[in-house]
Amino acid sequence: MKIKDISIKYKIIVFALILSIIPVTIIGLYAYNEASNSLNKEVQNKLEEQVKLEKDSIDTTFSLSQDNVNSSLGVAKTSSIPGENLLSWMARCSLVKIML
């Protein structure tokens, strides 16, 4: 079948379909790219926010633990054992191996 043998009715229908499909496809691709970029930016922002929250949580936990250790060391250094502090006594007794 040659193009000349096709009736004008079918030629117009095919031409109208092509004219309507091309713009819809272009608009669809543009909308897809915009939505994809927007979602990627949103995910990136949420991930950065989550990392900041986790960092703050770790910093807080570390700070509290460090304060707890420092206060425990302060109690151990002010022991009531005559002539030495508790840490020295424990190290000497091999209960805790630490370097003073």
C-alpha atoms as a PDB file:
ATOM      1  CA  MET A   1       0.000   0.000   0.000  1.00  0.00           C
ATOM      2  CA  LYS A   2       1.403   3.363  -1.037  1.00  0.00           C
ATOM      3  CA  ILE A   3       0.782   6.707   0.608  1.00  0.00           C
ATOM      4  CA  LYS A   4      -1.037   7.859  -2.537  1.00  0.00           C
ATOM      5  CA  ASP A   5      -3.485   5.000  -2.185  1.00  0.00           C
ATOM      6  CA  ILE A   6      -4.538   6.031   1.370  1.00  0.00           C
ATOM      7  CA  SER A   7      -7.653   8.144   1.492  1.00  0.00           C
ATOM      8  CA  ILE A   8      -7.480  11.758   2.621  1.00  0.00           C
ATOM      9  CA  LYS A   9      -9.655  10.863   5.629  1.00  0.00           C
ATOM     10  CA  TYR A  10      -7.002   8.534   7.084  1.00  0.00           C
ATOM     11  CA  LYS A  11      -4.218  10.958   6.231  1.00  0.00           C
ATOM     12  CA  ILE A  12      -5.962  13.699   8.229  1.00  0.00           C
ATOM     13  CA  ILE A  13      -6.564  11.348  11.172  1.00  0.00           C
ATOM     14  CA  VAL A  14      -2.891  10.291  11.276  1.00  0.00           C
ATOM     15  CA  PHE A  15      -1.741  13.889  10.944  1.00  0.00           C
ATOM     16  CA  ALA A  16      -4.067  15.008  13.781  1.00  0.00           C
ATOM     17  CA  LEU A  17      -2.828  12.178  16.022  1.00  0.00           C
ATOM     18  CA  ILE A  18       0.798  13.117  15.385  1.00  0.00           C
ATOM     19  CA  LEU A  19       0.040  16.787  16.076  1.00  0.00           C
ATOM     20  CA  SER A  20      -1.614  15.905  19.383  1.00  0.00           C
ATOM     21  CA  ILE A  21       0.813  13.196  20.571  1.00  0.00           C
ATOM     22  CA  ILE A  22       4.028  15.197  20.110  1.00  0.00           C
ATOM     23  CA  PRO A  23       3.092  18.164  22.369  1.00  0.00           C
ATOM     24  CA  VAL A  24       1.609  15.863  25.027  1.00  0.00           C
ATOM     25  CA  THR A  25       4.816  13.816  25.023  1.00  0.00           C
ATOM     26  CA  ILE A  26       7.004  16.924  25.309  1.00  0.00           C
ATOM     27  CA  ILE A  27       4.896  18.352  28.150  1.00  0.00           C
ATOM     28  CA  GLY A  28       4.926  14.966  29.905  1.00  0.00           C
ATOM     29  CA  LEU A  29       8.709  14.695  29.695  1.00  0.00           C
ATOM     30  CA  TYR A  30       9.114  18.252  30.997  1.00  0.00           C
ATOM     31  CA  ALA A  31       6.728  17.587  33.906  1.00  0.00           C
ATOM     32  CA  TYR A  32       8.551  14.336  34.723  1.00  0.00           C
ATOM     33  CA  ASN A  33      11.941  16.089  34.806  1.00  0.00           C
ATOM     34  CA  GLU A  34      10.627  18.900  36.992  1.00  0.00           C
ATOM     35  CA  ALA A  35       8.986  16.491  39.428  1.00  0.00           C
ATOM     36  CA  SER A  36      12.103  14.328  39.551  1.00  0.00           C
ATOM     37  CA  ASN A  37      14.352  17.321  40.263  1.00  0.00           C
ATOM     38  CA  SER A  38      11.981  18.600  42.934  1.00  0.00           C
ATOM     39  CA  LEU A  39      11.813  15.221  44.668  1.00  0.00           C
ATOM     40  CA  ASN A  40      15.597  14.818  44.555  1.00  0.00           C
ATOM     41  CA  LYS A  41      16.057  18.233  46.160  1.00  0.00           C
ATOM     42  CA  GLU A  42      13.488  17.425  48.849  1.00  0.00           C
ATOM     43  CA  VAL A  43      15.125  14.075  49.626  1.00  0.00           C
ATOM     44  CA  GLN A  44      18.552  15.746  49.787  1.00  0.00           C
ATOM     45  CA  ASN A  45      17.233  18.384  52.200  1.00  0.00           C
ATOM     46  CA  LYS A  46      15.598  15.748  54.421  1.00  0.00           C
ATOM     47  CA  LEU A  47      18.772  13.646  54.459  1.00  0.00           C
ATOM     48  CA  GLU A  48      20.904  16.661  55.389  1.00  0.00           C
ATOM     49  CA  GLU A  49      18.442  17.516  58.167  1.00  0.00           C
ATOM     50  CA  GLN A  50      18.533  13.918  59.436  1.00  0.00           C
ATOM     51  CA  VAL A  51      22.341  13.912  59.423  1.00  0.00           C
ATOM     52  CA  LYS A  52      22.365  17.147  61.429  1.00  0.00           C
ATOM     53  CA  LEU A  53      19.909  15.692  63.968  1.00  0.00           C
ATOM     54  CA  GLU A  54      21.972  12.501  64.298  1.00  0.00           C
ATOM     55  CA  LYS A  55      25.167  14.535  64.717  1.00  0.00           C
ATOM     56  CA  ASP A  56      23.547  16.644  67.434  1.00  0.00           C
ATOM     57  CA  SER A  57      22.302  13.502  69.170  1.00  0.00           C
ATOM     58  CA  ILE A  58      25.759  11.903  69.072  1.00  0.00           C
ATOM     59  CA  ASP A  59      27.395  15.111  70.300  1.00  0.00           C
ATOM     60  CA  THR A  60      24.915  15.344  73.180  1.00  0.00           C
ATOM     61  CA  THR A  61      25.384  11.697  74.131  1.00  0.00           C
ATOM     62  CA  PHE A  62      29.164  12.029  73.973  1.00  0.00           C
ATOM     63  CA  SER A  63      29.097  15.230  76.018  1.00  0.00           C
ATOM     64  CA  LEU A  64      26.908  13.668  78.702  1.00  0.00           C
ATOM     65  CA  SER A  65      29.095  10.562  78.818  1.00  0.00           C
ATOM     66  CA  GLN A  66      32.224  12.673  79.033  1.00  0.00           C
ATOM     67  CA  ASP A  67      30.724  14.734  81.854  1.00  0.00           C
ATOM     68  CA  ASN A  68      29.741  11.522  83.647  1.00  0.00           C
ATOM     69  CA  VAL A  69      33.255  10.097  83.313  1.00  0.00           C
ATOM     70  CA  ASN A  70      34.814  13.373  84.445  1.00  0.00           C
ATOM     71  CA  SER A  71      32.561  13.551  87.494  1.00  0.00           C
ATOM     72  CA  SER A  72      33.306   9.896  88.310  1.00  0.00           C
ATOM     73  CA  LEU A  73      37.013  10.583  88.025  1.00  0.00           C
ATOM     74  CA  GLY A  74      36.590  13.580  90.299  1.00  0.00           C
ATOM     75  CA  VAL A  75      34.922  11.372  92.915  1.00  0.00           C
ATOM     76  CA  ALA A  76      37.633   8.745  92.519  1.00  0.00           C
ATOM     77  CA  LYS A  77      40.423  11.311  92.888  1.00  0.00           C
ATOM     78  CA  THR A  78      38.904  12.683  96.094  1.00  0.00           C
ATOM     79  CA  SER A  79      38.829   9.315  97.826  1.00  0.00           C
ATOM     80  CA  SER A  80      39.036   9.059 101.591  1.00  0.00           C
ATOM     81  CA  ILE A  81      41.861   6.478 101.536  1.00  0.00           C
ATOM     82  CA  PRO A  82      44.744   8.050 103.463  1.00  0.00           C
ATOM     83  CA  GLY A  83      47.796   8.944 101.398  1.00  0.00           C
ATOM     84  CA  GLU A  84      46.512   8.005  97.969  1.00  0.00           C
ATOM     85  CA  ASN A  85      43.532   8.441  95.722  1.00  0.00           C
ATOM     86  CA  LEU A  86      41.133   5.663  94.796  1.00  0.00           C
ATOM     87  CA  LEU A  87      42.452   5.268  91.254  1.00  0.00           C
ATOM     88  CA  SER A  88      45.997   4.724  92.475  1.00  0.00           C
ATOM     89  CA  TRP A  89      44.798   2.212  95.041  1.00  0.00           C
ATOM     90  CA  MET A  90      42.733   0.306  92.449  1.00  0.00           C
ATOM     91  CA  ALA A  91      45.624   0.247  89.989  1.00  0.00           C
ATOM     92  CA  ARG A  92      48.001  -0.935  92.644  1.00  0.00           C
ATOM     93  CA  CYS A  93      45.560  -3.666  93.670  1.00  0.00           C
ATOM     94  CA  SER A  94      45.207  -4.740  89.994  1.00  0.00           C
ATOM     95  CA  LEU A  95      41.471  -4.144  90.059  1.00  0.00           C
ATOM     96  CA  VAL A  96      41.770  -1.640  87.233  1.00  0.00           C
ATOM     97  CA  LYS A  97      44.753  -1.329  84.950  1.00  0.00           C
ATOM     98  CA  ILE A  98      45.225   2.292  84.070  1.00  0.00           C
ATOM     99  CA  MET A  99      48.154   4.558  83.539  1.00  0.00           C
ATOM    100  CA  LEU A 100      48.396   7.416  85.983  1.00  0.00           C
END
